Amino acid sequence: MTFTVQVTSSGPTPTGIVEFLDGASKLGLDKSNGVVTFTTSKLAVGTHSITAESLGDAAHAKSTSPVLDQVVQ
């Protein structure tokens, strides 16, 4: 399963780390250059509450995406 997020700002392009979560469980992380793609095979059958959390950088505060309810069949 692949998730892609775009981290935006009215100022410079956000950099730093984006962490992907299933509820409170950490799935993985990657460095941002404005767009981050994350692939995982760790999701079991069922519904998962996926969020992406930008941990911020020198010019941007930490922020979290809305929840995506992802169904795995």
PDB file of N, CA and C in Angstrom:
ATOM      1  N   MET A   1       0.851  -1.151   0.000  1.00  0.00           N
ATOM      2  CA  MET A   1       0.000   0.000   0.000  1.00  0.00           C
ATOM      3  C   MET A   1       0.909   1.228   0.000  1.00  0.00           C
ATOM      4  N   THR A   2       0.582   2.199  -0.842  1.00  0.00           N
ATOM      5  CA  THR A   2       1.398   3.401  -0.958  1.00  0.00           C
ATOM      6  C   THR A   2       0.566   4.634  -0.619  1.00  0.00           C
ATOM      7  N   PHE A   3       1.138   5.498   0.190  1.00  0.00           N
ATOM      8  CA  PHE A   3       0.512   6.760   0.575  1.00  0.00           C
ATOM      9  C   PHE A   3       1.408   7.898   0.115  1.00  0.00           C
ATOM     10  N   THR A   4       0.799   8.951  -0.408  1.00  0.00           N
ATOM     11  CA  THR A   4       1.546  10.131  -0.827  1.00  0.00           C
ATOM     12  C   THR A   4       0.935  11.352  -0.175  1.00  0.00           C
ATOM     13  N   VAL A   5       1.764  12.196   0.418  1.00  0.00           N
ATOM     14  CA  VAL A   5       1.294  13.451   1.019  1.00  0.00           C
ATOM     15  C   VAL A   5       2.087  14.609   0.439  1.00  0.00           C
ATOM     16  N   GLN A   6       1.412  15.744   0.358  1.00  0.00           N
ATOM     17  CA  GLN A   6       2.075  16.976  -0.057  1.00  0.00           C
ATOM     18  C   GLN A   6       2.080  17.904   1.140  1.00  0.00           C
ATOM     19  N   VAL A   7       3.266  18.347   1.518  1.00  0.00           N
ATOM     20  CA  VAL A   7       3.426  19.271   2.644  1.00  0.00           C
ATOM     21  C   VAL A   7       3.587  20.656   2.039  1.00  0.00           C
ATOM     22  N   THR A   8       2.652  21.559   2.355  1.00  0.00           N
ATOM     23  CA  THR A   8       2.656  22.875   1.726  1.00  0.00           C
ATOM     24  C   THR A   8       2.833  23.991   2.738  1.00  0.00           C
ATOM     25  N   SER A   9       3.188  25.146   2.219  1.00  0.00           N
ATOM     26  CA  SER A   9       3.399  26.333   3.037  1.00  0.00           C
ATOM     27  C   SER A   9       3.258  27.552   2.143  1.00  0.00           C
ATOM     28  N   SER A  10       2.889  28.692   2.732  1.00  0.00           N
ATOM     29  CA  SER A  10       2.853  29.936   1.965  1.00  0.00           C
ATOM     30  C   SER A  10       4.256  30.508   1.802  1.00  0.00           C
ATOM     31  N   GLY A  11       5.222  29.948   2.535  1.00  0.00           N
ATOM     32  CA  GLY A  11       6.616  30.376   2.455  1.00  0.00           C
ATOM     33  C   GLY A  11       7.460  29.361   1.718  1.00  0.00           C
ATOM     34  N   PRO A  12       8.674  29.134   2.200  1.00  0.00           N
ATOM     35  CA  PRO A  12       9.564  28.169   1.545  1.00  0.00           C
ATOM     36  C   PRO A  12       9.025  26.738   1.637  1.00  0.00           C
ATOM     37  N   THR A  13       9.462  25.883   0.730  1.00  0.00           N
ATOM     38  CA  THR A  13       9.036  24.484   0.731  1.00  0.00           C
ATOM     39  C   THR A  13       9.444  23.820   2.040  1.00  0.00           C
ATOM     40  N   PRO A  14       8.482  23.182   2.727  1.00  0.00           N
ATOM     41  CA  PRO A  14       8.819  22.489   3.977  1.00  0.00           C
ATOM     42  C   PRO A  14       9.770  21.321   3.743  1.00  0.00           C
ATOM     43  N   THR A  15      10.731  21.199   4.622  1.00  0.00           N
ATOM     44  CA  THR A  15      11.641  20.054   4.632  1.00  0.00           C
ATOM     45  C   THR A  15      11.508  19.404   5.997  1.00  0.00           C
ATOM     46  N   GLY A  16      12.324  18.456   6.301  1.00  0.00           N
ATOM     47  CA  GLY A  16      12.234  17.783   7.592  1.00  0.00           C
ATOM     48  C   GLY A  16      11.650  16.395   7.423  1.00  0.00           C
ATOM     49  N   ILE A  17      11.184  15.846   8.511  1.00  0.00           N
ATOM     50  CA  ILE A  17      10.710  14.461   8.554  1.00  0.00           C
ATOM     51  C   ILE A  17       9.189  14.420   8.582  1.00  0.00           C
ATOM     52  N   VAL A  18       8.621  13.488   7.810  1.00  0.00           N
ATOM     53  CA  VAL A  18       7.187  13.203   7.865  1.00  0.00           C
ATOM     54  C   VAL A  18       7.035  11.776   8.377  1.00  0.00           C
ATOM     55  N   GLU A  19       6.228  11.628   9.413  1.00  0.00           N
ATOM     56  CA  GLU A  19       5.995  10.319  10.016  1.00  0.00           C
ATOM     57  C   GLU A  19       4.586   9.859   9.674  1.00  0.00           C
ATOM     58  N   PHE A  20       4.453   8.603   9.279  1.00  0.00           N
ATOM     59  CA  PHE A  20       3.155   8.017   8.957  1.00  0.00           C
ATOM     60  C   PHE A  20       2.713   7.145  10.120  1.00  0.00           C
ATOM     61  N   LEU A  21       1.432   7.315  10.511  1.00  0.00           N
ATOM     62  CA  LEU A  21       0.905   6.582  11.658  1.00  0.00           C
ATOM     63  C   LEU A  21      -0.399   5.885  11.314  1.00  0.00           C
ATOM     64  N   ASP A  22      -0.632   4.773  11.987  1.00  0.00           N
ATOM     65  CA  ASP A  22      -1.900   4.049  11.957  1.00  0.00           C
ATOM     66  C   ASP A  22      -2.456   4.180  13.360  1.00  0.00           C
ATOM     67  N   GLY A  23      -3.346   5.156  13.566  1.00  0.00           N
ATOM     68  CA  GLY A  23      -3.759   5.495  14.930  1.00  0.00           C
ATOM     69  C   GLY A  23      -2.544   6.033  15.654  1.00  0.00           C
ATOM     70  N   ALA A  24      -2.158   5.408  16.777  1.00  0.00           N
ATOM     71  CA  ALA A  24      -0.967   5.821  17.518  1.00  0.00           C
ATOM     72  C   ALA A  24       0.273   5.013  17.138  1.00  0.00           C
ATOM     73  N   SER A  25       0.099   4.006  16.293  1.00  0.00           N
ATOM     74  CA  SER A  25       1.217   3.136  15.910  1.00  0.00           C
ATOM     75  C   SER A  25       2.020   3.737  14.759  1.00  0.00           C
ATOM     76  N   LYS A  26       3.318   3.850  14.954  1.00  0.00           N
ATOM     77  CA  LYS A  26       4.199   4.395  13.927  1.00  0.00           C
ATOM     78  C   LYS A  26       4.412   3.359  12.827  1.00  0.00           C
ATOM     79  N   LEU A  27       4.183   3.798  11.580  1.00  0.00           N
ATOM     80  CA  LEU A  27       4.406   2.913  10.431  1.00  0.00           C
ATOM     81  C   LEU A  27       5.777   3.131   9.818  1.00  0.00           C
ATOM     82  N   GLY A  28       6.225   4.385   9.801  1.00  0.00           N
ATOM     83  CA  GLY A  28       7.506   4.695   9.193  1.00  0.00           C
ATOM     84  C   GLY A  28       7.638   6.186   8.972  1.00  0.00           C
ATOM     85  N   LEU A  29       8.788   6.593   8.452  1.00  0.00           N
ATOM     86  CA  LEU A  29       9.015   8.011   8.214  1.00  0.00           C
ATOM     87  C   LEU A  29       9.916   8.201   7.019  1.00  0.00           C
ATOM     88  N   ASP A  30       9.901   9.437   6.512  1.00  0.00           N
ATOM     89  CA  ASP A  30      10.741   9.779   5.376  1.00  0.00           C
ATOM     90  C   ASP A  30      10.990  11.275   5.410  1.00  0.00           C
ATOM     91  N   LYS A  31      12.034  11.695   4.717  1.00  0.00           N
ATOM     92  CA  LYS A  31      12.383  13.111   4.657  1.00  0.00           C
ATOM     93  C   LYS A  31      11.517  13.801   3.609  1.00  0.00           C
ATOM     94  N   SER A  32      11.048  14.998   3.936  1.00  0.00           N
ATOM     95  CA  SER A  32      10.177  15.749   3.041  1.00  0.00           C
ATOM     96  C   SER A  32      10.953  16.740   2.193  1.00  0.00           C
ATOM     97  N   ASN A  33      10.527  16.867   0.953  1.00  0.00           N
ATOM     98  CA  ASN A  33      10.961  17.958   0.086  1.00  0.00           C
ATOM     99  C   ASN A  33       9.716  18.595  -0.518  1.00  0.00           C
ATOM    100  N   GLY A  34       8.624  18.517   0.217  1.00  0.00           N
ATOM    101  CA  GLY A  34       7.334  19.015  -0.229  1.00  0.00           C
ATOM    102  C   GLY A  34       6.361  17.889  -0.538  1.00  0.00           C
ATOM    103  N   VAL A  35       6.867  16.774  -1.074  1.00  0.00           N
ATOM    104  CA  VAL A  35       6.043  15.600  -1.360  1.00  0.00           C
ATOM    105  C   VAL A  35       6.749  14.371  -0.797  1.00  0.00           C
ATOM    106  N   VAL A  36       5.982  13.538  -0.098  1.00  0.00           N
ATOM    107  CA  VAL A  36       6.551  12.320   0.484  1.00  0.00           C
ATOM    108  C   VAL A  36       5.678  11.134   0.085  1.00  0.00           C
ATOM    109  N   THR A  37       6.312  10.082  -0.393  1.00  0.00           N
ATOM    110  CA  THR A  37       5.622   8.833  -0.714  1.00  0.00           C
ATOM    111  C   THR A  37       6.148   7.758   0.224  1.00  0.00           C
ATOM    112  N   PHE A  38       5.215   7.022   0.813  1.00  0.00           N
ATOM    113  CA  PHE A  38       5.567   5.979   1.778  1.00  0.00           C
ATOM    114  C   PHE A  38       4.850   4.697   1.390  1.00  0.00           C
ATOM    115  N   THR A  39       5.575   3.595   1.326  1.00  0.00           N
ATOM    116  CA  THR A  39       5.002   2.292   0.980  1.00  0.00           C
ATOM    117  C   THR A  39       5.171   1.342   2.154  1.00  0.00           C
ATOM    118  N   THR A  40       4.102   0.603   2.456  1.00  0.00           N
ATOM    119  CA  THR A  40       4.153  -0.362   3.547  1.00  0.00           C
ATOM    120  C   THR A  40       3.375  -1.622   3.186  1.00  0.00           C
ATOM    121  N   SER A  41       3.793  -2.717   3.758  1.00  0.00           N
ATOM    122  CA  SER A  41       3.044  -3.975   3.650  1.00  0.00           C
ATOM    123  C   SER A  41       2.645  -4.451   5.047  1.00  0.00           C
ATOM    124  N   LYS A  42       2.720  -3.554   6.036  1.00  0.00           N
ATOM    125  CA  LYS A  42       2.464  -3.900   7.437  1.00  0.00           C
ATOM    126  C   LYS A  42       0.992  -3.854   7.837  1.00  0.00           C
ATOM    127  N   LEU A  43       0.101  -3.407   6.944  1.00  0.00           N
ATOM    128  CA  LEU A  43      -1.296  -3.242   7.333  1.00  0.00           C
ATOM    129  C   LEU A  43      -2.068  -4.546   7.176  1.00  0.00           C
ATOM    130  N   ALA A  44      -2.653  -5.007   8.268  1.00  0.00           N
ATOM    131  CA  ALA A  44      -3.463  -6.228   8.253  1.00  0.00           C
ATOM    132  C   ALA A  44      -4.848  -5.915   7.685  1.00  0.00           C
ATOM    133  N   VAL A  45      -5.618  -6.944   7.398  1.00  0.00           N
ATOM    134  CA  VAL A  45      -6.983  -6.774   6.925  1.00  0.00           C
ATOM    135  C   VAL A  45      -7.780  -5.992   7.969  1.00  0.00           C
ATOM    136  N   GLY A  46      -8.554  -5.025   7.501  1.00  0.00           N
ATOM    137  CA  GLY A  46      -9.373  -4.206   8.388  1.00  0.00           C
ATOM    138  C   GLY A  46      -9.262  -2.737   8.025  1.00  0.00           C
ATOM    139  N   THR A  47      -9.822  -1.890   8.883  1.00  0.00           N
ATOM    140  CA  THR A  47      -9.799  -0.446   8.664  1.00  0.00           C
ATOM    141  C   THR A  47      -8.700   0.173   9.511  1.00  0.00           C
ATOM    142  N   HIS A  48      -7.941   1.064   8.901  1.00  0.00           N
ATOM    143  CA  HIS A  48      -6.809   1.713   9.560  1.00  0.00           C
ATOM    144  C   HIS A  48      -6.966   3.226   9.486  1.00  0.00           C
ATOM    145  N   SER A  49      -6.701   3.915  10.587  1.00  0.00           N
ATOM    146  CA  SER A  49      -6.783   5.378  10.663  1.00  0.00           C
ATOM    147  C   SER A  49      -5.398   5.949  10.401  1.00  0.00           C
ATOM    148  N   ILE A  50      -5.150   6.329   9.155  1.00  0.00           N
ATOM    149  CA  ILE A  50      -3.821   6.769   8.724  1.00  0.00           C
ATOM    150  C   ILE A  50      -3.695   8.291   8.814  1.00  0.00           C
ATOM    151  N   THR A  51      -2.599   8.747   9.393  1.00  0.00           N
ATOM    152  CA  THR A  51      -2.259  10.169   9.381  1.00  0.00           C
ATOM    153  C   THR A  51      -0.796  10.321   8.997  1.00  0.00           C
ATOM    154  N   ALA A  52      -0.483  11.507   8.496  1.00  0.00           N
ATOM    155  CA  ALA A  52       0.903  11.873   8.216  1.00  0.00           C
ATOM    156  C   ALA A  52       1.202  13.088   9.081  1.00  0.00           C
ATOM    157  N   GLU A  53       2.304  13.043   9.793  1.00  0.00           N
ATOM    158  CA  GLU A  53       2.678  14.130  10.698  1.00  0.00           C
ATOM    159  C   GLU A  53       4.006  14.722  10.261  1.00  0.00           C
ATOM    160  N   SER A  54       3.963  15.983   9.850  1.00  0.00           N
ATOM    161  CA  SER A  54       5.203  16.689   9.524  1.00  0.00           C
ATOM    162  C   SER A  54       5.790  17.163  10.841  1.00  0.00           C
ATOM    163  N   LEU A  55       7.014  16.761  11.118  1.00  0.00           N
ATOM    164  CA  LEU A  55       7.630  17.090  12.405  1.00  0.00           C
ATOM    165  C   LEU A  55       8.194  18.508  12.430  1.00  0.00           C
ATOM    166  N   GLY A  56       8.057  19.231  11.314  1.00  0.00           N
ATOM    167  CA  GLY A  56       8.493  20.618  11.266  1.00  0.00           C
ATOM    168  C   GLY A  56       9.959  20.746  10.895  1.00  0.00           C
ATOM    169  N   ASP A  57      10.361  21.985  10.664  1.00  0.00           N
ATOM    170  CA  ASP A  57      11.756  22.310  10.389  1.00  0.00           C
ATOM    171  C   ASP A  57      12.013  23.711  10.930  1.00  0.00           C
ATOM    172  N   ALA A  58      13.123  24.319  10.583  1.00  0.00           N
ATOM    173  CA  ALA A  58      13.481  25.626  11.135  1.00  0.00           C
ATOM    174  C   ALA A  58      12.455  26.706  10.800  1.00  0.00           C
ATOM    175  N   ALA A  59      11.737  26.552   9.680  1.00  0.00           N
ATOM    176  CA  ALA A  59      10.794  27.581   9.247  1.00  0.00           C
ATOM    177  C   ALA A  59       9.329  27.190   9.416  1.00  0.00           C
ATOM    178  N   HIS A  60       9.046  25.948   9.833  1.00  0.00           N
ATOM    179  CA  HIS A  60       7.674  25.459   9.886  1.00  0.00           C
ATOM    180  C   HIS A  60       7.408  24.695  11.181  1.00  0.00           C
ATOM    181  N   ALA A  61       6.215  24.903  11.710  1.00  0.00           N
ATOM    182  CA  ALA A  61       5.799  24.187  12.920  1.00  0.00           C
ATOM    183  C   ALA A  61       5.340  22.772  12.568  1.00  0.00           C
ATOM    184  N   LYS A  62       5.272  21.926  13.561  1.00  0.00           N
ATOM    185  CA  LYS A  62       4.758  20.572  13.423  1.00  0.00           C
ATOM    186  C   LYS A  62       3.290  20.643  12.995  1.00  0.00           C
ATOM    187  N   SER A  63       2.858  19.722  12.122  1.00  0.00           N
ATOM    188  CA  SER A  63       1.452  19.675  11.717  1.00  0.00           C
ATOM    189  C   SER A  63       1.060  18.240  11.382  1.00  0.00           C
ATOM    190  N   THR A  64      -0.247  17.962  11.453  1.00  0.00           N
ATOM    191  CA  THR A  64      -0.760  16.621  11.212  1.00  0.00           C
ATOM    192  C   THR A  64      -1.883  16.676  10.190  1.00  0.00           C
ATOM    193  N   SER A  65      -1.900  15.705   9.290  1.00  0.00           N
ATOM    194  CA  SER A  65      -2.951  15.622   8.267  1.00  0.00           C
ATOM    195  C   SER A  65      -4.269  15.208   8.895  1.00  0.00           C
ATOM    196  N   PRO A  66      -5.356  15.412   8.158  1.00  0.00           N
ATOM    197  CA  PRO A  66      -6.623  14.783   8.586  1.00  0.00           C
ATOM    198  C   PRO A  66      -6.483  13.264   8.515  1.00  0.00           C
ATOM    199  N   VAL A  67      -7.348  12.547   9.213  1.00  0.00           N
ATOM    200  CA  VAL A  67      -7.325  11.081   9.226  1.00  0.00           C
ATOM    201  C   VAL A  67      -7.877  10.546   7.910  1.00  0.00           C
ATOM    202  N   LEU A  68      -7.186   9.553   7.361  1.00  0.00           N
ATOM    203  CA  LEU A  68      -7.657   8.789   6.204  1.00  0.00           C
ATOM    204  C   LEU A  68      -8.022   7.409   6.718  1.00  0.00           C
ATOM    205  N   ASP A  69      -9.292   7.032   6.608  1.00  0.00           N
ATOM    206  CA  ASP A  69      -9.699   5.679   6.992  1.00  0.00           C
ATOM    207  C   ASP A  69      -9.455   4.762   5.802  1.00  0.00           C
ATOM    208  N   GLN A  70      -8.380   3.985   5.880  1.00  0.00           N
ATOM    209  CA  GLN A  70      -7.966   3.098   4.798  1.00  0.00           C
ATOM    210  C   GLN A  70      -8.429   1.677   5.091  1.00  0.00           C
ATOM    211  N   VAL A  71      -9.179   1.104   4.163  1.00  0.00           N
ATOM    212  CA  VAL A  71      -9.655  -0.272   4.317  1.00  0.00           C
ATOM    213  C   VAL A  71      -8.736  -1.208   3.556  1.00  0.00           C
ATOM    214  N   VAL A  72      -8.264  -2.250   4.254  1.00  0.00           N
ATOM    215  CA  VAL A  72      -7.430  -3.284   3.638  1.00  0.00           C
ATOM    216  C   VAL A  72      -8.275  -4.552   3.604  1.00  0.00           C
ATOM    217  N   GLN A  73      -8.395  -5.147   2.417  1.00  0.00           N
ATOM    218  CA  GLN A  73      -9.214  -6.347   2.266  1.00  0.00           C
ATOM    219  C   GLN A  73      -8.370  -7.587   2.085  1.00  0.00           C
TER     220      GLN A  73
END
